[in-house]
Amino acid sequence: MTALAWLVPAALFLGGLGLAAFLWALRSGQFEDLEGAAYRALEDDPPEEDDPPEADDRKRE
């Protein structure tokens, strides 16, 4: 019985934490462009890579 006294509040806390994280993601716009992400996954072109200036200096040495 004492295990339930720990597990029920822990489960409610974790559920509330998950709900808060979902609502934060919803408000910050994480789910606005679902179609674009699907098309980007199917693109054949590799992403353009911009080398930082530090990487160019290390290649020359």
Protein backbone atom coordinates (compact mmCIF):
# COMPACT_ATOMS: atom_id res chain seq x y z
CA MET A 1 0.00 0.00 0.00
CA THR A 2 2.88 2.36 0.67
CA ALA A 3 4.14 1.76 -2.87
CA LEU A 4 0.91 3.23 -4.23
CA ALA A 5 1.45 6.31 -2.09
CA TRP A 6 4.66 6.89 -4.09
CA LEU A 7 3.63 5.60 -7.50
CA VAL A 8 0.33 7.44 -7.96
CA PRO A 9 1.76 10.94 -7.30
CA ALA A 10 4.83 10.11 -9.40
CA ALA A 11 2.63 8.98 -12.30
CA LEU A 12 0.46 12.11 -12.02
CA PHE A 13 3.56 14.32 -11.92
CA LEU A 14 5.11 12.66 -14.97
CA GLY A 15 1.82 12.83 -16.86
CA GLY A 16 1.50 16.53 -16.05
CA LEU A 17 5.10 17.08 -17.12
CA GLY A 18 4.40 15.37 -20.45
CA LEU A 19 1.26 17.43 -20.95
CA ALA A 20 3.17 20.63 -20.19
CA ALA A 21 5.88 19.68 -22.70
CA PHE A 22 3.26 18.95 -25.36
CA LEU A 23 1.47 22.26 -24.77
CA TRP A 24 4.80 24.12 -24.92
CA ALA A 25 5.63 22.45 -28.25
CA LEU A 26 2.16 23.25 -29.57
CA ARG A 27 2.45 26.93 -28.62
CA SER A 28 6.00 27.33 -29.92
CA GLY A 29 5.02 26.19 -33.43
CA GLN A 30 6.65 22.76 -33.53
CA PHE A 31 3.69 21.25 -35.39
CA GLU A 32 3.05 23.97 -37.99
CA ASP A 33 4.80 22.52 -41.05
CA LEU A 34 4.11 18.79 -41.04
CA GLU A 35 3.93 18.54 -44.85
CA GLY A 36 7.29 20.24 -45.37
CA ALA A 37 9.05 17.80 -43.07
CA ALA A 38 7.57 14.88 -45.00
CA TYR A 39 8.82 16.28 -48.32
CA ARG A 40 12.27 17.06 -46.94
CA ALA A 41 12.63 13.43 -45.87
CA LEU A 42 12.04 12.33 -49.48
CA GLU A 43 14.39 14.81 -51.18
CA ASP A 44 17.25 13.30 -53.14
CA ASP A 45 19.50 16.37 -53.00
CA PRO A 46 22.05 16.35 -50.18
CA PRO A 47 21.88 19.35 -47.87
CA GLU A 48 24.23 22.19 -48.67
CA GLU A 49 27.10 22.25 -46.23
CA ASP A 50 28.74 25.50 -45.28
CA ASP A 51 32.13 24.86 -43.73
CA PRO A 52 32.86 27.14 -40.81
CA PRO A 53 36.04 29.23 -41.18
CA GLU A 54 37.79 27.24 -38.45
CA ALA A 55 37.40 24.03 -40.47
CA ASP A 56 39.09 25.61 -43.50
CA ASP A 57 42.08 26.67 -41.39
CA ARG A 58 42.51 23.15 -40.02
CA LYS A 59 42.49 21.62 -43.53
CA ARG A 60 45.35 23.86 -44.67
CA GLU A 61 47.65 22.95 -41.76
